[in-house]
N, C-alpha and C. Protein backbone atom coordinates (compact mmCIF):
# COMPACT_ATOMS: atom_id res chain seq x y z
N UNK A 1 41.97 115.59 176.71
CA UNK A 1 40.97 117.30 176.33
C UNK A 1 41.86 117.82 175.10
N UNK A 2 43.44 117.71 176.24
CA UNK A 2 43.83 118.78 174.51
C UNK A 2 44.50 118.05 173.40
N UNK A 3 43.94 116.94 173.41
CA UNK A 3 43.91 116.22 172.05
C UNK A 3 42.93 115.94 171.48
N UNK A 4 41.85 116.64 171.97
CA UNK A 4 40.53 116.98 171.34
C UNK A 4 40.54 118.34 170.05
N UNK A 5 40.92 119.87 171.67
CA UNK A 5 40.95 120.40 171.37
C UNK A 5 42.12 120.79 170.53
N UNK A 6 43.26 120.36 170.18
CA UNK A 6 44.79 120.58 169.34
C UNK A 6 43.93 119.59 167.99
N UNK A 7 42.92 118.85 168.41
CA UNK A 7 42.41 118.07 167.29
C UNK A 7 41.29 118.64 166.35
N UNK A 8 40.01 119.78 166.75
CA UNK A 8 39.36 120.53 166.72
C UNK A 8 39.69 121.34 165.91
N UNK A 9 40.90 122.31 166.77
CA UNK A 9 41.36 123.25 166.31
C UNK A 9 42.38 123.19 164.42
N UNK A 10 43.36 122.08 164.25
CA UNK A 10 43.63 121.36 162.62
C UNK A 10 42.62 121.63 162.11
N UNK A 11 40.82 121.02 162.52
CA UNK A 11 40.56 121.13 161.41
C UNK A 11 39.97 121.85 161.34
N UNK A 12 39.10 123.20 162.16
CA UNK A 12 38.77 123.90 161.95
C UNK A 12 39.92 125.23 160.80
N UNK A 13 41.35 125.14 161.39
CA UNK A 13 42.35 125.61 160.28
C UNK A 13 42.02 124.80 159.00
N UNK A 14 42.36 123.70 158.62
CA UNK A 14 42.24 122.92 157.89
C UNK A 14 41.35 123.75 156.54
N UNK A 15 39.73 123.28 157.34
CA UNK A 15 38.31 123.46 156.78
C UNK A 15 38.48 124.92 156.27
N UNK A 16 38.87 126.13 157.17
CA UNK A 16 38.95 127.92 156.74
C UNK A 16 40.90 127.68 155.27
N UNK A 17 41.21 126.41 155.34
CA UNK A 17 42.67 127.06 154.52
C UNK A 17 41.46 126.77 152.99
N UNK A 18 40.98 124.83 153.12
CA UNK A 18 39.91 124.67 152.33
C UNK A 18 39.29 125.45 151.13
N UNK A 19 38.73 126.42 152.30
CA UNK A 19 37.80 126.72 151.92
C UNK A 19 37.91 128.43 150.84
N UNK A 20 38.61 129.03 151.67
CA UNK A 20 40.07 130.40 150.85
C UNK A 20 40.19 129.72 149.70
N UNK A 21 40.91 128.46 149.84
CA UNK A 21 41.10 127.82 148.25
C UNK A 21 40.35 127.68 146.96
N UNK A 22 39.36 127.15 147.87
CA UNK A 22 38.13 127.17 146.80
C UNK A 22 37.39 128.11 146.25
N UNK A 23 37.06 129.27 146.88
CA UNK A 23 37.63 130.81 146.78
C UNK A 23 38.48 131.15 145.75
N UNK A 24 39.37 131.31 146.10
CA UNK A 24 40.44 131.25 144.99
C UNK A 24 40.06 131.04 143.68
N UNK A 25 40.08 129.80 143.50
CA UNK A 25 40.00 129.25 142.68
C UNK A 25 38.99 129.49 141.69
N UNK A 26 37.62 130.09 142.72
CA UNK A 26 36.57 130.12 141.55
C UNK A 26 36.70 131.39 141.13
N UNK A 27 37.15 132.54 141.99
CA UNK A 27 37.99 134.19 141.26
C UNK A 27 38.73 133.43 140.25
N UNK A 28 39.42 132.71 140.00
CA UNK A 28 39.95 133.25 138.87
C UNK A 28 39.62 132.58 137.75
N UNK A 29 38.26 131.65 138.03
CA UNK A 29 37.92 130.41 137.05
C UNK A 29 37.00 132.29 136.20
N UNK A 30 36.41 132.59 137.15
CA UNK A 30 35.63 133.55 136.92
C UNK A 30 37.00 135.14 136.52
N UNK A 31 37.41 135.42 136.62
CA UNK A 31 38.12 136.54 135.91
C UNK A 31 38.85 135.59 134.27
N UNK A 32 38.79 134.25 134.39
CA UNK A 32 39.40 133.56 132.79
C UNK A 32 38.18 133.75 131.89
N UNK A 33 37.08 133.20 132.86
CA UNK A 33 35.79 133.29 131.63
C UNK A 33 35.12 135.28 131.66
N UNK A 34 35.26 136.24 132.13
CA UNK A 34 35.55 137.79 131.65
C UNK A 34 36.76 137.48 130.35
N UNK A 35 37.43 137.18 130.47
CA UNK A 35 38.58 136.90 130.00
C UNK A 35 38.53 136.51 128.36
N UNK A 36 37.47 135.20 128.71
CA UNK A 36 37.51 134.98 127.32
C UNK A 36 35.77 135.44 126.45
N UNK A 37 35.03 135.58 126.84
CA UNK A 37 33.98 137.18 126.60
C UNK A 37 33.95 137.99 126.04
N UNK A 38 35.44 138.73 126.20
CA UNK A 38 36.10 140.12 125.87
C UNK A 38 36.64 139.78 125.17
N UNK A 39 37.21 138.39 124.69
CA UNK A 39 38.19 138.23 123.74
C UNK A 39 37.21 138.71 121.97
N UNK A 40 37.61 138.89 120.94
CA UNK A 40 36.72 139.48 120.26
C UNK A 40 36.56 138.32 118.76
N UNK A 41 38.56 137.80 118.65
CA UNK A 41 39.00 137.70 117.20
C UNK A 41 39.44 136.39 116.76
N UNK A 42 38.30 135.93 117.38
CA UNK A 42 38.24 134.21 117.90
C UNK A 42 37.87 133.50 115.77
N UNK A 43 38.64 132.25 115.87
CA UNK A 43 38.27 131.17 114.59
C UNK A 43 36.80 130.94 114.92
N UNK A 44 35.80 130.70 114.25
CA UNK A 44 34.42 130.12 114.90
C UNK A 44 34.14 128.91 113.89
N UNK A 45 33.21 128.49 114.57
CA UNK A 45 32.95 126.68 113.86
C UNK A 45 31.52 126.28 113.94
N UNK A 46 31.12 125.73 113.40
CA UNK A 46 29.91 125.32 114.28
C UNK A 46 29.05 123.98 113.28
N UNK A 47 28.46 123.82 113.94
CA UNK A 47 27.85 122.01 113.59
C UNK A 47 26.14 122.34 114.35
N UNK A 48 25.55 121.81 113.40
CA UNK A 48 23.75 122.05 113.18
C UNK A 48 23.45 119.97 113.48
N UNK A 49 22.46 120.16 113.89
CA UNK A 49 21.56 119.76 115.13
C UNK A 49 21.87 118.16 114.45
N UNK A 50 21.42 117.23 113.47
CA UNK A 50 22.11 115.71 113.48
C UNK A 50 23.60 115.49 113.49
N UNK A 51 23.81 116.78 113.71
CA UNK A 51 25.75 116.47 113.36
C UNK A 51 26.65 116.28 114.89
N UNK A 52 25.37 117.07 116.16
CA UNK A 52 25.81 116.74 117.20
C UNK A 52 24.38 116.11 117.92
N UNK A 53 23.57 116.43 118.78
CA UNK A 53 22.19 116.41 118.69
C UNK A 53 21.56 114.70 118.03
N UNK A 54 21.25 113.42 119.07
CA UNK A 54 20.39 112.84 119.78
C UNK A 54 19.44 113.31 117.69
N UNK A 55 18.82 112.16 117.35
CA UNK A 55 17.93 112.21 116.00
C UNK A 55 16.66 112.09 116.41
N UNK A 56 16.45 111.02 117.50
CA UNK A 56 15.30 110.84 118.15
C UNK A 56 14.63 112.57 118.70
N UNK A 57 15.75 113.31 119.14
CA UNK A 57 15.41 114.48 120.17
C UNK A 57 15.43 115.45 118.33
N UNK A 58 15.29 115.77 117.87
CA UNK A 58 15.30 115.94 116.07
C UNK A 58 13.88 115.87 115.66
N UNK A 59 13.71 114.72 115.92
CA UNK A 59 12.73 114.30 114.98
C UNK A 59 11.15 114.12 115.95
N UNK A 60 11.60 114.47 116.83
CA UNK A 60 10.16 114.31 118.17
C UNK A 60 9.23 115.19 117.33
N UNK A 61 7.92 114.72 117.51
CA UNK A 61 6.79 115.87 117.40
C UNK A 61 7.39 117.02 117.43
N UNK A 62 7.49 117.89 117.98
CA UNK A 62 7.81 119.55 118.42
C UNK A 62 8.88 119.86 117.14
N UNK A 63 10.04 119.18 116.76
CA UNK A 63 10.79 118.93 115.92
C UNK A 63 11.62 120.16 116.17
N UNK A 64 12.00 119.48 117.51
CA UNK A 64 13.78 119.79 118.03
C UNK A 64 14.76 120.50 117.54
N UNK A 65 15.28 121.40 116.96
CA UNK A 65 16.54 121.85 116.71
C UNK A 65 18.05 121.79 117.09
N UNK A 66 18.68 122.33 117.40
CA UNK A 66 19.70 122.71 117.99
C UNK A 66 20.95 123.69 117.06
N UNK A 67 22.03 123.98 117.70
CA UNK A 67 23.66 124.74 117.25
C UNK A 67 24.45 124.50 118.34
N UNK A 68 25.68 124.08 117.62
CA UNK A 68 26.64 124.25 118.16
C UNK A 68 27.58 124.72 117.94
N UNK A 69 27.87 125.92 118.53
CA UNK A 69 29.27 127.12 118.21
C UNK A 69 30.30 126.91 118.95
N UNK A 70 31.20 126.69 118.60
CA UNK A 70 33.13 126.82 118.99
C UNK A 70 33.70 127.40 118.57
N UNK A 71 34.76 128.79 119.03
CA UNK A 71 35.09 129.35 119.95
C UNK A 71 36.99 129.14 119.39
N UNK A 72 37.06 129.01 119.03
CA UNK A 72 39.27 129.39 118.99
C UNK A 72 39.65 130.49 119.14
N UNK A 73 40.65 130.13 119.86
CA UNK A 73 41.71 131.06 119.62
C UNK A 73 43.14 130.13 120.13
N UNK A 74 44.37 130.80 118.73
CA UNK A 74 45.45 130.14 118.57
C UNK A 74 45.31 128.68 118.33
N UNK A 75 44.03 128.08 117.69
CA UNK A 75 44.17 126.69 117.69
C UNK A 75 43.75 125.53 119.04
N UNK A 76 42.78 126.49 119.34
CA UNK A 76 42.55 126.07 120.55
C UNK A 76 40.79 126.10 121.31
N UNK A 77 40.43 125.73 121.85
CA UNK A 77 38.49 125.58 122.27
C UNK A 77 38.45 126.45 123.47
N UNK A 78 37.80 127.98 123.24
CA UNK A 78 38.16 128.41 123.99
C UNK A 78 36.72 127.73 125.40
N UNK A 79 36.09 127.90 124.04
CA UNK A 79 34.67 128.58 124.24
C UNK A 79 33.65 127.79 123.60
N UNK A 80 32.53 126.73 124.19
CA UNK A 80 31.84 125.86 122.92
C UNK A 80 30.45 126.95 123.75
N UNK A 81 29.45 126.87 123.34
CA UNK A 81 27.55 127.27 123.23
C UNK A 81 27.31 126.50 122.39
N UNK A 82 26.06 125.58 123.22
CA UNK A 82 25.13 124.49 122.57
C UNK A 82 23.71 125.30 123.29
N UNK A 83 23.30 125.38 121.77
CA UNK A 83 21.65 126.18 121.57
C UNK A 83 21.16 124.33 121.40
N UNK A 84 19.59 124.44 121.89
CA UNK A 84 18.84 123.58 121.75
C UNK A 84 17.40 124.11 121.73
N UNK A 85 16.73 123.65 121.09
CA UNK A 85 15.42 124.12 121.25
C UNK A 85 14.33 122.71 120.48
N UNK A 86 12.85 123.81 121.13
CA UNK A 86 12.04 123.25 120.38
C UNK A 86 10.95 124.23 119.62
N UNK A 87 10.70 123.81 118.08
CA UNK A 87 10.23 125.03 117.61
C UNK A 87 8.46 125.07 117.79
N UNK A 88 7.84 124.19 118.00
CA UNK A 88 6.67 124.67 118.03
C UNK A 88 5.65 125.16 119.53
N UNK A 89 7.19 124.76 120.20
CA UNK A 89 6.35 125.67 122.13
C UNK A 89 7.73 126.68 121.82
N UNK A 90 8.71 126.93 121.34
CA UNK A 90 9.62 127.80 121.84
C UNK A 90 9.95 127.77 122.85
N UNK A 91 10.61 127.01 123.27
CA UNK A 91 11.54 126.47 124.20
C UNK A 91 12.82 125.78 123.70
N UNK A 92 13.51 127.68 124.62
CA UNK A 92 14.96 126.66 124.18
C UNK A 92 16.00 126.60 125.59
N UNK A 93 16.75 126.04 125.39
CA UNK A 93 18.52 126.06 126.22
C UNK A 93 19.41 126.32 125.84
N UNK A 94 20.17 127.08 126.64
CA UNK A 94 21.78 127.30 126.19
C UNK A 94 22.68 127.46 126.76
N UNK A 95 23.73 126.28 126.86
CA UNK A 95 24.52 125.42 127.08
C UNK A 95 26.09 126.15 126.96
N UNK A 96 26.93 126.99 127.87
CA UNK A 96 27.72 128.05 127.58
C UNK A 96 29.20 126.79 127.95
N UNK A 97 30.52 126.26 127.87
CA UNK A 97 31.28 125.69 128.19
C UNK A 97 32.21 126.59 128.14
N UNK A 98 32.99 126.74 129.07
CA UNK A 98 34.12 127.35 129.07
C UNK A 98 35.29 126.77 129.50
N UNK A 99 36.92 126.69 128.74
CA UNK A 99 38.36 125.66 128.94
C UNK A 99 39.37 127.04 129.19
N UNK A 100 39.52 126.08 129.59
CA UNK A 100 41.10 127.00 129.61
C UNK A 100 42.98 125.74 130.03
N UNK A 101 43.77 126.30 128.85
CA UNK A 101 44.04 124.95 128.81
C UNK A 101 43.76 123.08 128.24
N UNK A 102 42.54 123.39 127.37
CA UNK A 102 42.12 122.14 127.25
C UNK A 102 41.05 121.73 128.11
N UNK A 103 40.73 122.11 129.99
CA UNK A 103 40.77 121.66 130.70
C UNK A 103 38.60 122.45 130.55
N UNK A 104 38.09 121.57 131.21
CA UNK A 104 36.28 122.42 131.88
C UNK A 104 36.44 123.63 133.00
N UNK A 105 36.27 124.43 132.76
CA UNK A 105 36.98 124.98 134.49
C UNK A 105 35.29 125.82 134.64
N UNK A 106 34.66 126.13 133.86
CA UNK A 106 33.33 126.84 133.55
C UNK A 106 31.88 126.20 132.83
N UNK A 107 30.68 125.57 133.34
CA UNK A 107 29.84 125.61 132.49
C UNK A 107 28.34 126.89 133.18
N UNK A 108 27.38 126.97 132.01
CA UNK A 108 26.30 127.75 132.42
C UNK A 108 25.70 128.36 131.81
N UNK A 109 24.20 127.47 132.73
CA UNK A 109 23.28 126.89 131.84
C UNK A 109 22.40 127.98 132.00
N UNK A 110 21.00 128.10 130.46
CA UNK A 110 19.67 128.94 130.88
C UNK A 110 19.26 128.20 129.91
N UNK A 111 17.69 128.81 130.47
CA UNK A 111 16.31 127.49 129.39
C UNK A 111 15.53 128.92 130.00
N UNK A 112 14.89 128.53 128.49
CA UNK A 112 14.10 129.74 128.44
C UNK A 112 12.45 129.35 128.20
N UNK A 113 11.63 129.23 128.95
CA UNK A 113 9.67 128.64 128.36
C UNK A 113 9.69 129.84 127.46
N UNK A 114 8.86 129.59 125.83
CA UNK A 114 8.38 130.19 125.17
C UNK A 114 6.93 130.76 126.09
N UNK A 115 5.95 131.90 125.36
CA UNK A 115 6.40 131.76 123.80
C UNK A 115 7.30 133.21 123.20
N UNK A 116 7.88 133.88 124.25
CA UNK A 116 8.36 135.03 123.93
C UNK A 116 9.01 135.28 122.55
N UNK A 117 8.14 135.73 121.35
CA UNK A 117 8.92 135.70 120.37
C UNK A 117 9.38 137.17 119.78
N UNK A 118 10.19 137.89 119.94
CA UNK A 118 10.40 139.41 118.79
C UNK A 118 10.12 139.22 117.53
N UNK A 119 9.42 140.17 117.28
CA UNK A 119 10.10 140.46 115.33
C UNK A 119 10.30 141.75 115.07
N UNK A 120 11.55 141.78 114.52
CA UNK A 120 12.31 143.44 114.57
C UNK A 120 11.94 143.55 113.28
N UNK A 121 11.99 145.14 113.85
CA UNK A 121 11.68 146.29 112.22
C UNK A 121 11.38 145.21 110.95
N UNK A 122 12.47 144.86 110.59
CA UNK A 122 12.83 144.42 109.51
C UNK A 122 11.87 142.97 108.58
N UNK A 123 11.63 142.47 109.73
CA UNK A 123 10.27 140.64 109.68
C UNK A 123 11.19 140.28 110.52
N UNK A 124 12.19 139.88 110.86
CA UNK A 124 12.72 138.98 111.09
C UNK A 124 12.70 138.43 113.05
N UNK A 125 12.46 136.52 113.25
CA UNK A 125 11.56 136.24 114.57
C UNK A 125 13.52 136.64 115.43
N UNK A 126 12.87 136.98 116.18
CA UNK A 126 14.00 136.79 117.21
C UNK A 126 13.78 136.55 118.95
N UNK A 127 14.43 135.28 118.89
CA UNK A 127 14.11 134.79 120.12
C UNK A 127 15.27 135.12 121.09
N UNK A 128 14.88 135.90 122.31
CA UNK A 128 16.31 136.28 123.33
C UNK A 128 15.64 135.34 124.35
N UNK A 129 16.99 135.75 125.04
CA UNK A 129 17.27 134.70 126.58
C UNK A 129 16.97 136.17 126.92
N UNK A 130 15.95 136.47 127.86
CA UNK A 130 16.05 138.39 128.21
C UNK A 130 15.60 137.90 130.20
N UNK A 131 14.84 136.90 130.56
CA UNK A 131 14.48 137.26 131.77
C UNK A 131 14.70 134.80 131.19
N UNK A 132 15.48 134.25 132.05
CA UNK A 132 15.75 132.69 131.86
C UNK A 132 14.65 132.32 132.76
N UNK A 133 13.96 130.56 132.29
CA UNK A 133 13.61 130.74 133.05
C UNK A 133 14.01 129.79 134.09
N UNK A 134 15.23 129.13 133.93
CA UNK A 134 16.27 128.40 135.12
C UNK A 134 17.64 129.40 134.46
N UNK A 135 18.42 128.70 135.40
CA UNK A 135 20.38 129.30 135.34
C UNK A 135 20.88 128.67 135.97
N UNK A 136 21.70 128.40 135.82
CA UNK A 136 23.01 127.37 136.36
C UNK A 136 24.40 127.85 136.47
N UNK A 137 25.16 127.83 136.76
CA UNK A 137 26.65 127.86 136.25
C UNK A 137 26.69 127.09 137.69
N UNK A 138 28.27 126.34 136.78
CA UNK A 138 29.15 125.40 137.44
C UNK A 138 30.66 125.83 137.23
N UNK A 139 31.47 125.17 138.45
CA UNK A 139 32.60 125.74 138.53
C UNK A 139 32.86 124.57 138.13
N UNK A 140 34.22 123.96 137.75
CA UNK A 140 35.08 122.98 137.47
C UNK A 140 37.10 123.07 138.08
N UNK A 141 37.03 122.09 138.44
CA UNK A 141 39.27 122.39 138.07
C UNK A 141 39.27 120.98 139.05
N UNK A 142 40.16 121.13 137.96
CA UNK A 142 40.48 119.53 137.25
C UNK A 142 40.21 118.54 137.03
N UNK A 143 38.70 118.51 136.47
CA UNK A 143 37.20 117.90 136.11
C UNK A 143 37.06 117.49 137.38
N UNK A 144 37.03 118.25 138.24
CA UNK A 144 36.08 118.22 139.65
C UNK A 144 35.22 119.65 139.35
N UNK A 145 33.79 119.36 140.16
CA UNK A 145 33.48 120.40 140.28
C UNK A 145 33.21 120.57 141.63
N UNK A 146 33.31 121.68 141.61
CA UNK A 146 34.03 122.37 142.83
C UNK A 146 33.06 123.87 143.43
N UNK A 147 32.25 123.73 142.86
CA UNK A 147 30.95 124.78 143.17
C UNK A 147 29.13 124.75 142.07
N UNK A 148 28.67 125.00 142.82
CA UNK A 148 27.02 124.57 141.18
C UNK A 148 26.50 126.42 141.96
N UNK A 149 25.65 126.95 141.29
CA UNK A 149 24.60 127.61 141.87
C UNK A 149 23.98 127.95 140.78
N UNK A 150 22.21 127.38 141.56
CA UNK A 150 21.04 127.33 140.59
C UNK A 150 19.54 128.37 141.09
N UNK A 151 18.76 129.07 140.50
CA UNK A 151 17.88 129.41 140.25
C UNK A 151 17.12 129.33 139.46
N UNK A 152 16.00 128.78 138.69
CA UNK A 152 14.62 129.00 138.49
C UNK A 152 14.46 126.99 138.26
N UNK A 153 13.11 126.99 137.53
CA UNK A 153 13.04 125.67 137.37
C UNK A 153 13.51 125.66 136.44
N UNK A 154 15.01 124.05 136.25
CA UNK A 154 14.99 123.13 135.08
C UNK A 154 13.14 122.99 134.74
N UNK A 155 13.85 122.45 133.06
CA UNK A 155 12.97 122.11 131.90
C UNK A 155 13.41 120.82 131.61
N UNK A 156 13.79 119.95 132.33
CA UNK A 156 14.37 118.29 131.39
C UNK A 156 13.58 118.20 129.98
N UNK A 157 12.60 118.73 129.60
CA UNK A 157 12.40 117.78 128.29
C UNK A 157 13.35 118.41 127.08
N UNK A 158 14.33 119.36 127.76
CA UNK A 158 15.34 119.65 126.50
C UNK A 158 16.24 119.49 126.15
N UNK A 159 16.44 117.92 127.44
CA UNK A 159 17.98 117.63 127.37
C UNK A 159 17.22 116.04 125.70
N UNK A 160 18.15 116.01 125.23
CA UNK A 160 18.41 114.67 124.90
C UNK A 160 18.15 113.58 123.99
N UNK A 161 18.45 113.32 125.25
CA UNK A 161 18.64 111.41 125.51
C UNK A 161 18.36 111.62 127.16
N UNK A 162 16.97 110.79 127.57
CA UNK A 162 17.09 111.03 128.90
C UNK A 162 17.28 110.00 128.97
N UNK A 163 17.57 108.59 129.02
CA UNK A 163 17.74 107.47 129.13
C UNK A 163 18.96 107.84 129.43
N UNK A 164 19.86 107.82 128.39
CA UNK A 164 21.75 108.18 129.01
C UNK A 164 21.80 109.38 130.44
N UNK A 165 21.20 110.19 130.06
CA UNK A 165 21.17 111.31 131.34
C UNK A 165 20.94 110.80 132.63
N UNK A 166 20.44 110.24 132.12
CA UNK A 166 19.32 109.67 133.53
C UNK A 166 20.12 108.71 134.78
N UNK A 167 21.53 108.17 133.86
CA UNK A 167 22.55 107.16 134.59
C UNK A 167 22.79 108.23 135.66
N UNK A 168 23.55 109.80 135.26
CA UNK A 168 24.80 110.29 136.04
C UNK A 168 23.84 111.22 136.80
N UNK A 169 25.22 112.07 137.41
CA UNK A 169 24.98 113.41 138.13
C UNK A 169 24.92 114.10 136.87
N UNK A 170 24.09 115.92 137.18
CA UNK A 170 24.34 116.66 136.52
C UNK A 170 25.57 117.25 135.83
N UNK A 171 26.36 117.16 137.50
CA UNK A 171 27.87 117.68 136.81
C UNK A 171 28.55 116.45 135.61
N UNK A 172 28.51 115.04 135.96
CA UNK A 172 28.84 114.65 135.25
C UNK A 172 28.14 114.57 133.73
N UNK A 173 27.11 114.71 133.12
CA UNK A 173 26.46 115.27 131.67
C UNK A 173 26.79 116.42 131.46
N UNK A 174 27.28 117.23 132.58
CA UNK A 174 28.26 118.70 131.49
C UNK A 174 29.26 118.01 131.01
N UNK A 175 30.14 117.73 132.42
CA UNK A 175 31.38 117.27 131.75
C UNK A 175 32.04 116.13 130.64
N UNK A 176 31.02 115.42 130.51
CA UNK A 176 30.49 114.37 129.36
C UNK A 176 30.66 115.01 127.98
N UNK A 177 29.58 115.78 128.03
CA UNK A 177 29.22 116.99 126.78
C UNK A 177 30.21 117.72 126.64
N UNK A 178 30.51 117.88 127.75
CA UNK A 178 32.13 119.02 127.44
C UNK A 178 33.28 118.26 126.95
N UNK A 179 33.67 117.18 127.09
CA UNK A 179 34.10 116.26 126.46
C UNK A 179 34.18 116.12 124.88
N UNK A 180 33.27 115.06 124.58
CA UNK A 180 32.58 115.10 124.04
C UNK A 180 32.39 116.08 122.40
N UNK A 181 32.02 117.15 123.47
CA UNK A 181 31.92 118.19 121.61
C UNK A 181 33.65 119.06 121.95
N UNK A 182 34.35 119.06 123.04
CA UNK A 182 35.71 119.47 122.92
C UNK A 182 36.74 118.70 120.86
N UNK A 183 35.89 117.36 121.78
CA UNK A 183 36.73 116.72 120.64
C UNK A 183 36.65 116.47 119.25
N UNK A 184 34.93 116.92 119.03
CA UNK A 184 34.95 117.57 118.25
C UNK A 184 35.03 118.50 117.60
N UNK A 185 34.85 118.90 118.25
CA UNK A 185 35.99 120.64 117.38
C UNK A 185 37.18 119.96 117.19
N UNK A 186 37.30 120.22 117.45
CA UNK A 186 39.05 119.72 118.35
C UNK A 186 39.63 119.18 116.28
N UNK A 187 37.95 117.77 116.37
CA UNK A 187 38.97 117.26 114.94
C UNK A 187 38.73 118.21 113.55
N UNK A 188 37.77 118.99 114.22
CA UNK A 188 37.06 119.82 112.73
C UNK A 188 38.46 120.59 112.98
N UNK A 189 39.06 121.51 113.63
CA UNK A 189 39.66 122.65 113.48
C UNK A 189 40.75 122.15 112.78
N UNK A 190 41.25 120.32 113.75
CA UNK A 190 42.13 120.00 112.37
C UNK A 190 41.98 119.47 111.12
N UNK A 191 40.41 120.16 110.65
CA UNK A 191 40.24 118.93 109.26
C UNK A 191 40.88 120.79 108.00
């Protein structure tokens, strides 16, 4: 009986310590993301459409498009912003990847379904993400997902290559995309 009680107490202590460590890690990630977002002196680089997206996505009937933007500080990638969409439907998704010392720490995804288009007073068209139809946050530590939060409904048609992405978890997709984009921008920065 004593062994069972002692085992139970040890398990509860370990579970509490693990939960506290996870909460501290998430708080630390949030602080780093806030710091990255508050920084304004970035060297910025972009890739458009075919430079990073699957060509089948770009040439589909709805005319897919995309833009990948890398934000650098002191020669290191801090943030990557991926925008993909379908022109005729005015649907688009924004995924932001945040890095610390070359490691993925946070991903924020937002999807917006059209037809909300705003025309500015000068006649330019502005697509804003006022109210996302889907939003998710993913927290990573040492390439491992430690927490996630989602709200809304995901629109899977915005994924560039469904055959590839169906073969792995969403967390794995994000980690793989983050690594691919990080390497792409790292090579471009060195050129």
